[in-house]
């Protein structure tokens, strides 16, 4: 396996508030490999978007990155000067934000804004315009020459998002971070954008980090997934493996909550009971235990950490680890509960 292109180690991002310290990202570690498509999934407030912003040092005030390393080609991005990190942003690591309407400047023509992303990194204006037209065509914007001159409000939501993707790809970055890029789009356009990202990932070899709350998006685009809850990674591994046999109750609950057409006549829609914890005062022990249907006594007091539960798969769950050791052996994969595999195959969501 190739060496990781990005290594995040024990990343911690906090916000100082009147009520205390909010630990928005609390000890996150993972690797990203060249050409990989990695999903980061979780409910709103789980820390997935803040993890992405921390990687590029775009954390808004009063947030602060208080600990960790973000190694890009063995260079720690957290130790760079402001000018040095600006050279990395957009050129080597680009980001597509959630709402293209608010990300694009309403008084500048769309094509010019794509040009600017390249001009900021030294490309001549004549080359920038030609590259922009090429990218607008690549992201399947029809009549690219005329759309180049349009203002953002003259484009549909799907076209604005495609323009943002073109902007992200303009400097041929090694990594493209997409933060909920399909949330504001209708289902048909969502599918088109995901297909576009998958094609670009295959054709250009750009590593993609997909931030989403939608497990269907993960199934359709990603090969590996990190599941986040309350600022922490609670499970990680290959998409197929985790969908077919999740090893953390939160992952299991997320998959059980996916509506399935073949079950709607016979089963009620499932939901995860309770609310995500207040990060000012997170629960002791496992942060998911107040909502967990499988909790045991140890979950209330001891905080679990990621442990290997199968080749390439890790989970932070005392129930999984205890049963693996006592019932089946620590080297074997188990269901969280007899018969409790997710029952969801990624192919069903694509």
C-alpha atoms as a PDB file:
ATOM      1  CA  UNK A   1       0.000   0.000   0.000  1.00  0.00           C
ATOM      2  CA  UNK A   2       1.212   3.499  -0.852  1.00  0.00           C
ATOM      3  CA  UNK A   3       2.209   5.846   1.949  1.00  0.00           C
ATOM      4  CA  UNK A   4      -0.574   8.136   3.237  1.00  0.00           C
ATOM      5  CA  UNK A   5      -0.828  11.512   1.558  1.00  0.00           C
ATOM      6  CA  UNK A   6      -2.409  12.993   4.705  1.00  0.00           C
ATOM      7  CA  UNK A   7      -1.940  11.895   8.321  1.00  0.00           C
ATOM      8  CA  UNK A   8      -4.091  13.425  11.056  1.00  0.00           C
ATOM      9  CA  UNK A   9      -2.859  12.674  14.557  1.00  0.00           C
ATOM     10  CA  UNK A  10      -4.721  13.373  17.829  1.00  0.00           C
ATOM     11  CA  UNK A  11      -6.384  16.511  16.430  1.00  0.00           C
ATOM     12  CA  UNK A  12      -8.177  18.603  19.063  1.00  0.00           C
ATOM     13  CA  UNK A  13     -10.166  21.755  18.310  1.00  0.00           C
ATOM     14  CA  UNK A  14     -11.902  23.681  21.083  1.00  0.00           C
ATOM     15  CA  UNK A  15     -14.173  26.692  21.435  1.00  0.00           C
ATOM     16  CA  UNK A  16     -14.023  28.907  24.530  1.00  0.00           C
ATOM     17  CA  UNK A  17     -17.566  30.004  25.413  1.00  0.00           C
ATOM     18  CA  UNK A  18     -19.193  31.757  28.356  1.00  0.00           C
ATOM     19  CA  UNK A  19     -20.375  28.365  29.578  1.00  0.00           C
ATOM     20  CA  UNK A  20     -17.003  26.639  29.290  1.00  0.00           C
ATOM     21  CA  UNK A  21     -14.848  24.806  26.736  1.00  0.00           C
ATOM     22  CA  UNK A  22     -16.545  23.015  23.834  1.00  0.00           C
ATOM     23  CA  UNK A  23     -14.398  20.138  22.574  1.00  0.00           C
ATOM     24  CA  UNK A  24     -15.639  20.124  18.983  1.00  0.00           C
ATOM     25  CA  UNK A  25     -12.890  17.786  17.739  1.00  0.00           C
ATOM     26  CA  UNK A  26     -11.497  15.574  20.465  1.00  0.00           C
ATOM     27  CA  UNK A  27      -8.550  13.354  19.583  1.00  0.00           C
ATOM     28  CA  UNK A  28      -9.260  12.553  15.920  1.00  0.00           C
ATOM     29  CA  UNK A  29      -6.656  10.483  14.042  1.00  0.00           C
ATOM     30  CA  UNK A  30      -6.793   8.984  10.550  1.00  0.00           C
ATOM     31  CA  UNK A  31      -4.847   8.489   7.316  1.00  0.00           C
ATOM     32  CA  UNK A  32      -5.826   9.403   3.758  1.00  0.00           C
ATOM     33  CA  UNK A  33      -4.183   7.582   0.848  1.00  0.00           C
ATOM     34  CA  UNK A  34      -3.503   8.872  -2.682  1.00  0.00           C
ATOM     35  CA  UNK A  35      -6.531   8.513  -4.942  1.00  0.00           C
ATOM     36  CA  UNK A  36      -8.737   7.299  -2.076  1.00  0.00           C
ATOM     37  CA  UNK A  37     -12.344   8.330  -1.511  1.00  0.00           C
ATOM     38  CA  UNK A  38     -12.890   8.617   2.257  1.00  0.00           C
ATOM     39  CA  UNK A  39     -16.235   9.358   3.910  1.00  0.00           C
ATOM     40  CA  UNK A  40     -16.635  11.085   7.269  1.00  0.00           C
ATOM     41  CA  UNK A  41     -20.183  10.567   8.498  1.00  0.00           C
ATOM     42  CA  UNK A  42     -22.205  11.510  11.560  1.00  0.00           C
ATOM     43  CA  UNK A  43     -25.116  13.571  12.839  1.00  0.00           C
ATOM     44  CA  UNK A  44     -25.072  17.367  12.908  1.00  0.00           C
ATOM     45  CA  UNK A  45     -22.670  18.498  15.627  1.00  0.00           C
ATOM     46  CA  UNK A  46     -20.566  15.328  15.500  1.00  0.00           C
ATOM     47  CA  UNK A  47     -17.438  17.296  14.548  1.00  0.00           C
ATOM     48  CA  UNK A  48     -17.025  16.139  10.957  1.00  0.00           C
ATOM     49  CA  UNK A  49     -17.084  19.609   9.321  1.00  0.00           C
ATOM     50  CA  UNK A  50     -14.917  21.072  12.076  1.00  0.00           C
ATOM     51  CA  UNK A  51     -12.377  18.316  11.424  1.00  0.00           C
ATOM     52  CA  UNK A  52     -12.214  19.377   7.767  1.00  0.00           C
ATOM     53  CA  UNK A  53     -11.879  23.055   8.673  1.00  0.00           C
ATOM     54  CA  UNK A  54      -9.146  22.214  11.174  1.00  0.00           C
ATOM     55  CA  UNK A  55      -7.115  20.413   8.511  1.00  0.00           C
ATOM     56  CA  UNK A  56      -6.985  23.629   6.457  1.00  0.00           C
ATOM     57  CA  UNK A  57      -6.755  25.896   9.532  1.00  0.00           C
ATOM     58  CA  UNK A  58     -10.042  27.588   8.717  1.00  0.00           C
ATOM     59  CA  UNK A  59     -11.555  27.235  12.198  1.00  0.00           C
ATOM     60  CA  UNK A  60     -13.690  30.337  12.912  1.00  0.00           C
ATOM     61  CA  UNK A  61     -13.188  32.396  16.051  1.00  0.00           C
ATOM     62  CA  UNK A  62     -13.308  31.733  18.947  1.00  0.00           C
ATOM     63  CA  UNK A  63     -12.228  28.245  17.937  1.00  0.00           C
ATOM     64  CA  UNK A  64      -8.634  27.129  18.397  1.00  0.00           C
ATOM     65  CA  UNK A  65      -6.675  24.042  17.380  1.00  0.00           C
ATOM     66  CA  UNK A  66      -5.065  23.183  20.700  1.00  0.00           C
ATOM     67  CA  UNK A  67      -3.264  19.934  19.906  1.00  0.00           C
ATOM     68  CA  UNK A  68      -2.319  17.487  17.191  1.00  0.00           C
ATOM     69  CA  UNK A  69      -0.599  17.145  13.866  1.00  0.00           C
ATOM     70  CA  UNK A  70      -1.823  17.339  10.280  1.00  0.00           C
ATOM     71  CA  UNK A  71       0.955  15.893   8.133  1.00  0.00           C
ATOM     72  CA  UNK A  72       0.739  16.529   4.384  1.00  0.00           C
ATOM     73  CA  UNK A  73       3.669  14.868   2.632  1.00  0.00           C
ATOM     74  CA  UNK A  74       5.289  14.768   6.112  1.00  0.00           C
ATOM     75  CA  UNK A  75       4.894  18.555   6.528  1.00  0.00           C
ATOM     76  CA  UNK A  76       2.856  19.596   9.586  1.00  0.00           C
ATOM     77  CA  UNK A  77       0.237  22.064   8.360  1.00  0.00           C
ATOM     78  CA  UNK A  78      -0.418  23.247  11.918  1.00  0.00           C
ATOM     79  CA  UNK A  79       3.139  24.575  12.184  1.00  0.00           C
ATOM     80  CA  UNK A  80       3.125  26.628   8.962  1.00  0.00           C
ATOM     81  CA  UNK A  81       2.932  30.407   8.856  1.00  0.00           C
ATOM     82  CA  UNK A  82      -0.203  32.108   7.549  1.00  0.00           C
ATOM     83  CA  UNK A  83       1.427  32.733   4.174  1.00  0.00           C
ATOM     84  CA  UNK A  84       2.662  29.140   3.906  1.00  0.00           C
ATOM     85  CA  UNK A  85      -0.750  27.585   4.644  1.00  0.00           C
ATOM     86  CA  UNK A  86      -2.394  29.908   2.088  1.00  0.00           C
ATOM     87  CA  UNK A  87      -0.039  28.462  -0.531  1.00  0.00           C
ATOM     88  CA  UNK A  88      -1.305  24.963   0.365  1.00  0.00           C
ATOM     89  CA  UNK A  89      -5.005  25.885   0.365  1.00  0.00           C
ATOM     90  CA  UNK A  90      -6.546  25.697  -3.069  1.00  0.00           C
ATOM     91  CA  UNK A  91      -3.338  24.493  -4.701  1.00  0.00           C
ATOM     92  CA  UNK A  92      -2.613  21.187  -2.930  1.00  0.00           C
ATOM     93  CA  UNK A  93      -5.730  20.778  -0.752  1.00  0.00           C
ATOM     94  CA  UNK A  94      -9.011  22.299  -1.948  1.00  0.00           C
ATOM     95  CA  UNK A  95     -12.406  22.442  -0.273  1.00  0.00           C
ATOM     96  CA  UNK A  96     -15.954  22.539  -1.621  1.00  0.00           C
ATOM     97  CA  UNK A  97     -18.288  24.149   0.892  1.00  0.00           C
ATOM     98  CA  UNK A  98     -21.850  23.160   1.652  1.00  0.00           C
ATOM     99  CA  UNK A  99     -23.758  26.102   0.171  1.00  0.00           C
ATOM    100  CA  UNK A 100     -22.465  27.386  -3.184  1.00  0.00           C
ATOM    101  CA  UNK A 101     -24.874  30.332  -3.066  1.00  0.00           C
ATOM    102  CA  UNK A 102     -23.067  31.772  -0.035  1.00  0.00           C
ATOM    103  CA  UNK A 103     -19.611  30.635  -1.156  1.00  0.00           C
ATOM    104  CA  UNK A 104     -19.698  32.411  -4.514  1.00  0.00           C
ATOM    105  CA  UNK A 105     -19.439  36.213  -4.689  1.00  0.00           C
ATOM    106  CA  UNK A 106     -22.796  37.451  -6.076  1.00  0.00           C
ATOM    107  CA  UNK A 107     -21.270  40.513  -7.825  1.00  0.00           C
ATOM    108  CA  UNK A 108     -18.508  38.682  -9.719  1.00  0.00           C
ATOM    109  CA  UNK A 109     -19.001  36.566 -12.815  1.00  0.00           C
ATOM    110  CA  UNK A 110     -18.772  32.849 -12.193  1.00  0.00           C
ATOM    111  CA  UNK A 111     -15.927  32.203 -14.613  1.00  0.00           C
ATOM    112  CA  UNK A 112     -13.851  35.022 -13.181  1.00  0.00           C
ATOM    113  CA  UNK A 113     -14.163  33.492  -9.711  1.00  0.00           C
ATOM    114  CA  UNK A 114     -12.802  30.189 -11.014  1.00  0.00           C
ATOM    115  CA  UNK A 115      -9.993  32.149 -12.699  1.00  0.00           C
ATOM    116  CA  UNK A 116      -9.165  33.836  -9.382  1.00  0.00           C
ATOM    117  CA  UNK A 117      -8.456  30.495  -7.708  1.00  0.00           C
ATOM    118  CA  UNK A 118      -5.652  29.987 -10.226  1.00  0.00           C
ATOM    119  CA  UNK A 119      -4.440  33.591 -10.405  1.00  0.00           C
ATOM    120  CA  UNK A 120      -3.891  33.506  -6.629  1.00  0.00           C
ATOM    121  CA  UNK A 121      -1.343  30.722  -7.174  1.00  0.00           C
ATOM    122  CA  UNK A 122       0.559  32.377 -10.012  1.00  0.00           C
ATOM    123  CA  UNK A 123      -1.099  31.105 -13.194  1.00  0.00           C
ATOM    124  CA  UNK A 124      -1.203  33.718 -16.022  1.00  0.00           C
ATOM    125  CA  UNK A 125      -4.659  35.147 -16.742  1.00  0.00           C
ATOM    126  CA  UNK A 126      -4.726  33.844 -20.312  1.00  0.00           C
ATOM    127  CA  UNK A 127      -4.028  30.298 -19.131  1.00  0.00           C
ATOM    128  CA  UNK A 128      -6.509  30.642 -16.278  1.00  0.00           C
ATOM    129  CA  UNK A 129      -9.402  31.485 -18.608  1.00  0.00           C
ATOM    130  CA  UNK A 130      -8.637  28.555 -20.903  1.00  0.00           C
ATOM    131  CA  UNK A 131      -8.355  26.218 -17.910  1.00  0.00           C
ATOM    132  CA  UNK A 132     -11.673  27.513 -16.488  1.00  0.00           C
ATOM    133  CA  UNK A 133     -13.521  26.814 -19.738  1.00  0.00           C
ATOM    134  CA  UNK A 134     -11.982  23.342 -19.838  1.00  0.00           C
ATOM    135  CA  UNK A 135     -13.099  22.649 -16.251  1.00  0.00           C
ATOM    136  CA  UNK A 136     -16.630  23.999 -16.762  1.00  0.00           C
ATOM    137  CA  UNK A 137     -16.991  21.514 -19.598  1.00  0.00           C
ATOM    138  CA  UNK A 138     -15.437  18.719 -17.524  1.00  0.00           C
ATOM    139  CA  UNK A 139     -17.968  19.253 -14.715  1.00  0.00           C
ATOM    140  CA  UNK A 140     -20.720  19.094 -17.355  1.00  0.00           C
ATOM    141  CA  UNK A 141     -21.949  22.673 -17.359  1.00  0.00           C
ATOM    142  CA  UNK A 142     -23.662  23.130 -20.743  1.00  0.00           C
ATOM    143  CA  UNK A 143     -22.704  26.113 -22.942  1.00  0.00           C
ATOM    144  CA  UNK A 144     -19.600  26.721 -20.819  1.00  0.00           C
ATOM    145  CA  UNK A 145     -18.537  29.808 -22.796  1.00  0.00           C
ATOM    146  CA  UNK A 146     -21.743  31.684 -22.039  1.00  0.00           C
ATOM    147  CA  UNK A 147     -21.981  30.369 -18.462  1.00  0.00           C
ATOM    148  CA  UNK A 148     -18.480  31.713 -17.855  1.00  0.00           C
ATOM    149  CA  UNK A 149     -19.960  35.218 -18.055  1.00  0.00           C
ATOM    150  CA  UNK A 150     -23.021  34.496 -15.909  1.00  0.00           C
ATOM    151  CA  UNK A 151     -23.381  35.726 -12.340  1.00  0.00           C
ATOM    152  CA  UNK A 152     -24.042  33.047  -9.683  1.00  0.00           C
ATOM    153  CA  UNK A 153     -27.730  33.959  -9.379  1.00  0.00           C
ATOM    154  CA  UNK A 154     -28.165  33.130 -13.069  1.00  0.00           C
ATOM    155  CA  UNK A 155     -27.138  29.530 -12.476  1.00  0.00           C
ATOM    156  CA  UNK A 156     -29.234  26.743 -11.005  1.00  0.00           C
ATOM    157  CA  UNK A 157     -28.232  25.209  -7.676  1.00  0.00           C
ATOM    158  CA  UNK A 158     -26.681  22.207  -9.421  1.00  0.00           C
ATOM    159  CA  UNK A 159     -24.698  24.423 -11.794  1.00  0.00           C
ATOM    160  CA  UNK A 160     -23.418  26.542  -8.895  1.00  0.00           C
ATOM    161  CA  UNK A 161     -22.217  23.415  -7.161  1.00  0.00           C
ATOM    162  CA  UNK A 162     -20.526  22.252 -10.374  1.00  0.00           C
ATOM    163  CA  UNK A 163     -18.808  25.656 -10.617  1.00  0.00           C
ATOM    164  CA  UNK A 164     -17.558  25.183  -7.039  1.00  0.00           C
ATOM    165  CA  UNK A 165     -16.193  21.755  -7.991  1.00  0.00           C
ATOM    166  CA  UNK A 166     -14.459  23.335 -11.006  1.00  0.00           C
ATOM    167  CA  UNK A 167     -12.944  25.932  -8.678  1.00  0.00           C
ATOM    168  CA  UNK A 168     -11.751  23.206  -6.318  1.00  0.00           C
ATOM    169  CA  UNK A 169     -10.124  21.287  -9.171  1.00  0.00           C
ATOM    170  CA  UNK A 170      -8.627  24.345 -10.880  1.00  0.00           C
ATOM    171  CA  UNK A 171      -5.116  23.879  -9.475  1.00  0.00           C
ATOM    172  CA  UNK A 172      -5.185  20.068  -9.745  1.00  0.00           C
ATOM    173  CA  UNK A 173      -5.025  19.492  -5.964  1.00  0.00           C
ATOM    174  CA  UNK A 174      -3.913  16.223  -4.446  1.00  0.00           C
ATOM    175  CA  UNK A 175      -6.860  16.303  -2.009  1.00  0.00           C
ATOM    176  CA  UNK A 176     -10.403  17.585  -2.470  1.00  0.00           C
ATOM    177  CA  UNK A 177     -12.521  18.007   0.691  1.00  0.00           C
ATOM    178  CA  UNK A 178     -16.256  18.137  -0.026  1.00  0.00           C
ATOM    179  CA  UNK A 179     -18.385  19.350   2.899  1.00  0.00           C
ATOM    180  CA  UNK A 180     -21.986  18.191   2.377  1.00  0.00           C
ATOM    181  CA  UNK A 181     -21.860  19.171  -1.325  1.00  0.00           C
ATOM    182  CA  UNK A 182     -25.285  17.720  -2.155  1.00  0.00           C
ATOM    183  CA  UNK A 183     -27.356  18.754   0.881  1.00  0.00           C
ATOM    184  CA  UNK A 184     -29.098  21.725  -0.773  1.00  0.00           C
ATOM    185  CA  UNK A 185     -29.810  19.885  -4.045  1.00  0.00           C
ATOM    186  CA  UNK A 186     -32.732  17.766  -5.168  1.00  0.00           C
ATOM    187  CA  UNK A 187     -32.297  14.004  -5.408  1.00  0.00           C
ATOM    188  CA  UNK A 188     -31.705  13.891  -9.168  1.00  0.00           C
ATOM    189  CA  UNK A 189     -29.007  16.584  -9.066  1.00  0.00           C
ATOM    190  CA  UNK A 190     -27.452  14.934  -5.983  1.00  0.00           C
ATOM    191  CA  UNK A 191     -26.971  11.752  -7.991  1.00  0.00           C
ATOM    192  CA  UNK A 192     -25.389  13.710 -10.846  1.00  0.00           C
ATOM    193  CA  UNK A 193     -22.937  15.498  -8.527  1.00  0.00           C
ATOM    194  CA  UNK A 194     -21.927  12.228  -6.836  1.00  0.00           C
ATOM    195  CA  UNK A 195     -21.417  10.575 -10.216  1.00  0.00           C
ATOM    196  CA  UNK A 196     -19.312  13.551 -11.277  1.00  0.00           C
ATOM    197  CA  UNK A 197     -17.111  13.346  -8.159  1.00  0.00           C
ATOM    198  CA  UNK A 198     -16.676   9.591  -8.624  1.00  0.00           C
ATOM    199  CA  UNK A 199     -15.644  10.097 -12.266  1.00  0.00           C
ATOM    200  CA  UNK A 200     -13.165  12.844 -11.339  1.00  0.00           C
ATOM    201  CA  UNK A 201     -11.732  10.643  -8.589  1.00  0.00           C
ATOM    202  CA  UNK A 202     -11.124   7.844 -11.094  1.00  0.00           C
ATOM    203  CA  UNK A 203      -9.913  10.028 -13.970  1.00  0.00           C
ATOM    204  CA  UNK A 204      -7.692  12.493 -12.093  1.00  0.00           C
ATOM    205  CA  UNK A 205      -6.629  10.370  -9.110  1.00  0.00           C
ATOM    206  CA  UNK A 206      -7.612  13.134  -6.693  1.00  0.00           C
ATOM    207  CA  UNK A 207      -8.110  11.890  -3.133  1.00  0.00           C
ATOM    208  CA  UNK A 208     -11.591  12.892  -1.931  1.00  0.00           C
ATOM    209  CA  UNK A 209     -12.758  13.432   1.643  1.00  0.00           C
ATOM    210  CA  UNK A 210     -16.569  13.432   1.660  1.00  0.00           C
ATOM    211  CA  UNK A 211     -18.175  15.038   4.732  1.00  0.00           C
ATOM    212  CA  UNK A 212     -21.809  13.935   5.005  1.00  0.00           C
ATOM    213  CA  UNK A 213     -24.634  12.796   7.261  1.00  0.00           C
ATOM    214  CA  UNK A 214     -26.089  10.685   4.434  1.00  0.00           C
ATOM    215  CA  UNK A 215     -25.122   7.007   4.455  1.00  0.00           C
ATOM    216  CA  UNK A 216     -26.369   6.702   0.877  1.00  0.00           C
ATOM    217  CA  UNK A 217     -23.735   9.232  -0.219  1.00  0.00           C
ATOM    218  CA  UNK A 218     -21.064   7.154   1.513  1.00  0.00           C
ATOM    219  CA  UNK A 219     -22.291   3.996  -0.229  1.00  0.00           C
ATOM    220  CA  UNK A 220     -22.300   5.700  -3.624  1.00  0.00           C
ATOM    221  CA  UNK A 221     -18.875   7.335  -3.516  1.00  0.00           C
ATOM    222  CA  UNK A 222     -16.566   6.131  -0.758  1.00  0.00           C
ATOM    223  CA  UNK A 223     -14.384   3.080  -0.291  1.00  0.00           C
ATOM    224  CA  UNK A 224     -13.596   3.721   3.390  1.00  0.00           C
ATOM    225  CA  UNK A 225     -15.546   5.503   6.101  1.00  0.00           C
ATOM    226  CA  UNK A 226     -14.975   7.171   9.480  1.00  0.00           C
ATOM    227  CA  UNK A 227     -18.005   7.386  11.767  1.00  0.00           C
ATOM    228  CA  UNK A 228     -17.930  10.363  14.160  1.00  0.00           C
ATOM    229  CA  UNK A 229     -19.970  10.986  17.302  1.00  0.00           C
ATOM    230  CA  UNK A 230     -19.593  13.877  19.773  1.00  0.00           C
ATOM    231  CA  UNK A 231     -16.230  14.973  18.393  1.00  0.00           C
ATOM    232  CA  UNK A 232     -14.676  11.488  18.286  1.00  0.00           C
ATOM    233  CA  UNK A 233     -14.226   8.715  15.736  1.00  0.00           C
ATOM    234  CA  UNK A 234     -16.182   5.716  17.020  1.00  0.00           C
ATOM    235  CA  UNK A 235     -15.697   3.354  14.065  1.00  0.00           C
ATOM    236  CA  UNK A 236     -13.683   3.194  10.870  1.00  0.00           C
ATOM    237  CA  UNK A 237     -13.080   0.724   8.083  1.00  0.00           C
ATOM    238  CA  UNK A 238     -14.005  -0.334   4.539  1.00  0.00           C
ATOM    239  CA  UNK A 239     -17.512   0.717   3.487  1.00  0.00           C
ATOM    240  CA  UNK A 240     -18.649  -2.782   2.467  1.00  0.00           C
ATOM    241  CA  UNK A 241     -17.424  -4.274   5.733  1.00  0.00           C
ATOM    242  CA  UNK A 242     -18.978  -1.654   7.993  1.00  0.00           C
ATOM    243  CA  UNK A 243     -22.320  -1.643   6.171  1.00  0.00           C
ATOM    244  CA  UNK A 244     -22.620  -5.403   6.335  1.00  0.00           C
ATOM    245  CA  UNK A 245     -21.458  -5.808   9.932  1.00  0.00           C
ATOM    246  CA  UNK A 246     -21.128  -2.578  11.964  1.00  0.00           C
ATOM    247  CA  UNK A 247     -19.238  -2.958  15.227  1.00  0.00           C
ATOM    248  CA  UNK A 248     -20.338   0.184  17.064  1.00  0.00           C
ATOM    249  CA  UNK A 249     -23.947   0.672  18.235  1.00  0.00           C
ATOM    250  CA  UNK A 250     -24.022   4.196  16.784  1.00  0.00           C
ATOM    251  CA  UNK A 251     -23.067   2.939  13.314  1.00  0.00           C
ATOM    252  CA  UNK A 252     -25.605   0.125  13.684  1.00  0.00           C
ATOM    253  CA  UNK A 253     -28.278   2.684  14.639  1.00  0.00           C
ATOM    254  CA  UNK A 254     -27.446   4.961  11.693  1.00  0.00           C
ATOM    255  CA  UNK A 255     -27.792   2.060   9.273  1.00  0.00           C
ATOM    256  CA  UNK A 256     -31.005   0.847  10.878  1.00  0.00           C
ATOM    257  CA  UNK A 257     -32.426   4.370  10.425  1.00  0.00           C
ATOM    258  CA  UNK A 258     -32.096   4.260   6.629  1.00  0.00           C
ATOM    259  CA  UNK A 259     -35.559   3.967   5.044  1.00  0.00           C
ATOM    260  CA  UNK A 260     -35.849   0.856   2.866  1.00  0.00           C
ATOM    261  CA  UNK A 261     -38.592   0.498   0.298  1.00  0.00           C
ATOM    262  CA  UNK A 262     -38.807  -3.276   0.755  1.00  0.00           C
ATOM    263  CA  UNK A 263     -39.468  -2.863   4.500  1.00  0.00           C
ATOM    264  CA  UNK A 264     -41.821   0.120   4.592  1.00  0.00           C
ATOM    265  CA  UNK A 265     -44.974  -2.007   4.488  1.00  0.00           C
ATOM    266  CA  UNK A 266     -43.903  -4.217   7.365  1.00  0.00           C
ATOM    267  CA  UNK A 267     -41.745  -2.052   9.642  1.00  0.00           C
ATOM    268  CA  UNK A 268     -41.936   1.400  11.152  1.00  0.00           C
ATOM    269  CA  UNK A 269     -39.185   3.855  10.341  1.00  0.00           C
ATOM    270  CA  UNK A 270     -36.497   3.612  12.998  1.00  0.00           C
ATOM    271  CA  UNK A 271     -34.786   6.539  14.694  1.00  0.00           C
ATOM    272  CA  UNK A 272     -32.007   6.936  17.244  1.00  0.00           C
ATOM    273  CA  UNK A 273     -33.598   7.757  20.566  1.00  0.00           C
ATOM    274  CA  UNK A 274     -32.409  10.766  22.549  1.00  0.00           C
ATOM    275  CA  UNK A 275     -30.221  13.679  21.475  1.00  0.00           C
ATOM    276  CA  UNK A 276     -26.548  14.177  20.773  1.00  0.00           C
ATOM    277  CA  UNK A 277     -24.717  15.173  23.976  1.00  0.00           C
ATOM    278  CA  UNK A 278     -23.924  18.710  25.060  1.00  0.00           C
ATOM    279  CA  UNK A 279     -20.189  19.031  24.366  1.00  0.00           C
ATOM    280  CA  UNK A 280     -19.870  21.490  27.238  1.00  0.00           C
ATOM    281  CA  UNK A 281     -20.704  18.610  29.572  1.00  0.00           C
ATOM    282  CA  UNK A 282     -20.279  15.327  27.683  1.00  0.00           C
ATOM    283  CA  UNK A 283     -21.315  12.114  29.456  1.00  0.00           C
ATOM    284  CA  UNK A 284     -18.701  10.173  31.372  1.00  0.00           C
ATOM    285  CA  UNK A 285     -17.483   6.923  29.887  1.00  0.00           C
ATOM    286  CA  UNK A 286     -18.735   6.232  26.376  1.00  0.00           C
ATOM    287  CA  UNK A 287     -20.395   9.373  25.012  1.00  0.00           C
ATOM    288  CA  UNK A 288     -23.032   7.305  23.210  1.00  0.00           C
ATOM    289  CA  UNK A 289     -24.125   5.303  26.254  1.00  0.00           C
ATOM    290  CA  UNK A 290     -27.220   7.443  27.108  1.00  0.00           C
ATOM    291  CA  UNK A 291     -28.683   6.504  23.706  1.00  0.00           C
ATOM    292  CA  UNK A 292     -27.209   3.025  23.324  1.00  0.00           C
ATOM    293  CA  UNK A 293     -29.547  -0.013  23.432  1.00  0.00           C
ATOM    294  CA  UNK A 294     -26.609  -2.347  24.188  1.00  0.00           C
ATOM    295  CA  UNK A 295     -24.871  -0.460  27.013  1.00  0.00           C
ATOM    296  CA  UNK A 296     -23.266  -2.335  29.878  1.00  0.00           C
ATOM    297  CA  UNK A 297     -22.068  -1.102  33.266  1.00  0.00           C
ATOM    298  CA  UNK A 298     -18.564  -0.290  32.081  1.00  0.00           C
ATOM    299  CA  UNK A 299     -19.936   2.091  29.426  1.00  0.00           C
ATOM    300  CA  UNK A 300     -21.019   4.528  32.158  1.00  0.00           C
ATOM    301  CA  UNK A 301     -17.557   5.040  33.629  1.00  0.00           C
ATOM    302  CA  UNK A 302     -14.732   4.069  31.227  1.00  0.00           C
ATOM    303  CA  UNK A 303     -14.133   5.779  27.914  1.00  0.00           C
ATOM    304  CA  UNK A 304     -13.455   3.267  25.107  1.00  0.00           C
ATOM    305  CA  UNK A 305     -10.819   3.840  22.429  1.00  0.00           C
ATOM    306  CA  UNK A 306     -10.549   2.532  18.883  1.00  0.00           C
ATOM    307  CA  UNK A 307      -9.451  -1.104  18.816  1.00  0.00           C
ATOM    308  CA  UNK A 308      -9.050  -3.583  15.953  1.00  0.00           C
ATOM    309  CA  UNK A 309     -12.192  -5.694  15.588  1.00  0.00           C
ATOM    310  CA  UNK A 310     -11.466  -7.097  12.115  1.00  0.00           C
ATOM    311  CA  UNK A 311      -8.840  -6.639   9.407  1.00  0.00           C
ATOM    312  CA  UNK A 312      -8.936  -2.945   8.530  1.00  0.00           C
ATOM    313  CA  UNK A 313     -11.880  -2.242  10.862  1.00  0.00           C
ATOM    314  CA  UNK A 314     -11.750  -0.514  14.254  1.00  0.00           C
ATOM    315  CA  UNK A 315     -14.430   0.394  16.786  1.00  0.00           C
ATOM    316  CA  UNK A 316     -14.548   2.095  20.186  1.00  0.00           C
ATOM    317  CA  UNK A 317     -17.112   0.002  22.062  1.00  0.00           C
ATOM    318  CA  UNK A 318     -16.815  -1.989  25.281  1.00  0.00           C
ATOM    319  CA  UNK A 319     -19.677  -4.291  24.267  1.00  0.00           C
ATOM    320  CA  UNK A 320     -17.984  -5.241  21.025  1.00  0.00           C
ATOM    321  CA  UNK A 321     -14.559  -5.663  22.628  1.00  0.00           C
ATOM    322  CA  UNK A 322     -15.808  -7.615  25.661  1.00  0.00           C
ATOM    323  CA  UNK A 323     -17.910 -10.027  23.631  1.00  0.00           C
ATOM    324  CA  UNK A 324     -15.159 -10.437  21.071  1.00  0.00           C
ATOM    325  CA  UNK A 325     -12.745 -11.507  23.806  1.00  0.00           C
ATOM    326  CA  UNK A 326     -15.080 -13.608  25.904  1.00  0.00           C
ATOM    327  CA  UNK A 327     -17.308 -15.276  23.315  1.00  0.00           C
ATOM    328  CA  UNK A 328     -15.441 -15.510  20.038  1.00  0.00           C
ATOM    329  CA  UNK A 329     -11.838 -14.496  20.592  1.00  0.00           C
ATOM    330  CA  UNK A 330     -10.315 -11.071  20.173  1.00  0.00           C
ATOM    331  CA  UNK A 331      -9.298 -11.693  16.560  1.00  0.00           C
ATOM    332  CA  UNK A 332     -12.806 -12.417  15.250  1.00  0.00           C
ATOM    333  CA  UNK A 333     -15.607 -10.156  14.119  1.00  0.00           C
ATOM    334  CA  UNK A 334     -18.906 -10.291  15.989  1.00  0.00           C
ATOM    335  CA  UNK A 335     -22.368  -8.838  15.673  1.00  0.00           C
ATOM    336  CA  UNK A 336     -23.229  -6.274  18.328  1.00  0.00           C
ATOM    337  CA  UNK A 337     -26.208  -8.455  19.170  1.00  0.00           C
ATOM    338  CA  UNK A 338     -27.250 -11.850  17.806  1.00  0.00           C
ATOM    339  CA  UNK A 339     -28.891 -11.218  14.460  1.00  0.00           C
ATOM    340  CA  UNK A 340     -28.136  -7.499  14.701  1.00  0.00           C
ATOM    341  CA  UNK A 341     -26.060  -6.958  11.569  1.00  0.00           C
ATOM    342  CA  UNK A 342     -27.240  -3.888   9.724  1.00  0.00           C
ATOM    343  CA  UNK A 343     -29.000  -5.794   6.976  1.00  0.00           C
ATOM    344  CA  UNK A 344     -27.999  -2.970   4.641  1.00  0.00           C
ATOM    345  CA  UNK A 345     -25.678  -3.581   1.720  1.00  0.00           C
ATOM    346  CA  UNK A 346     -23.999  -0.547   0.118  1.00  0.00           C
ATOM    347  CA  UNK A 347     -25.226  -1.663  -3.303  1.00  0.00           C
ATOM    348  CA  UNK A 348     -28.825  -1.145  -2.165  1.00  0.00           C
ATOM    349  CA  UNK A 349     -28.159   2.562  -1.605  1.00  0.00           C
ATOM    350  CA  UNK A 350     -26.282   3.312  -4.813  1.00  0.00           C
END
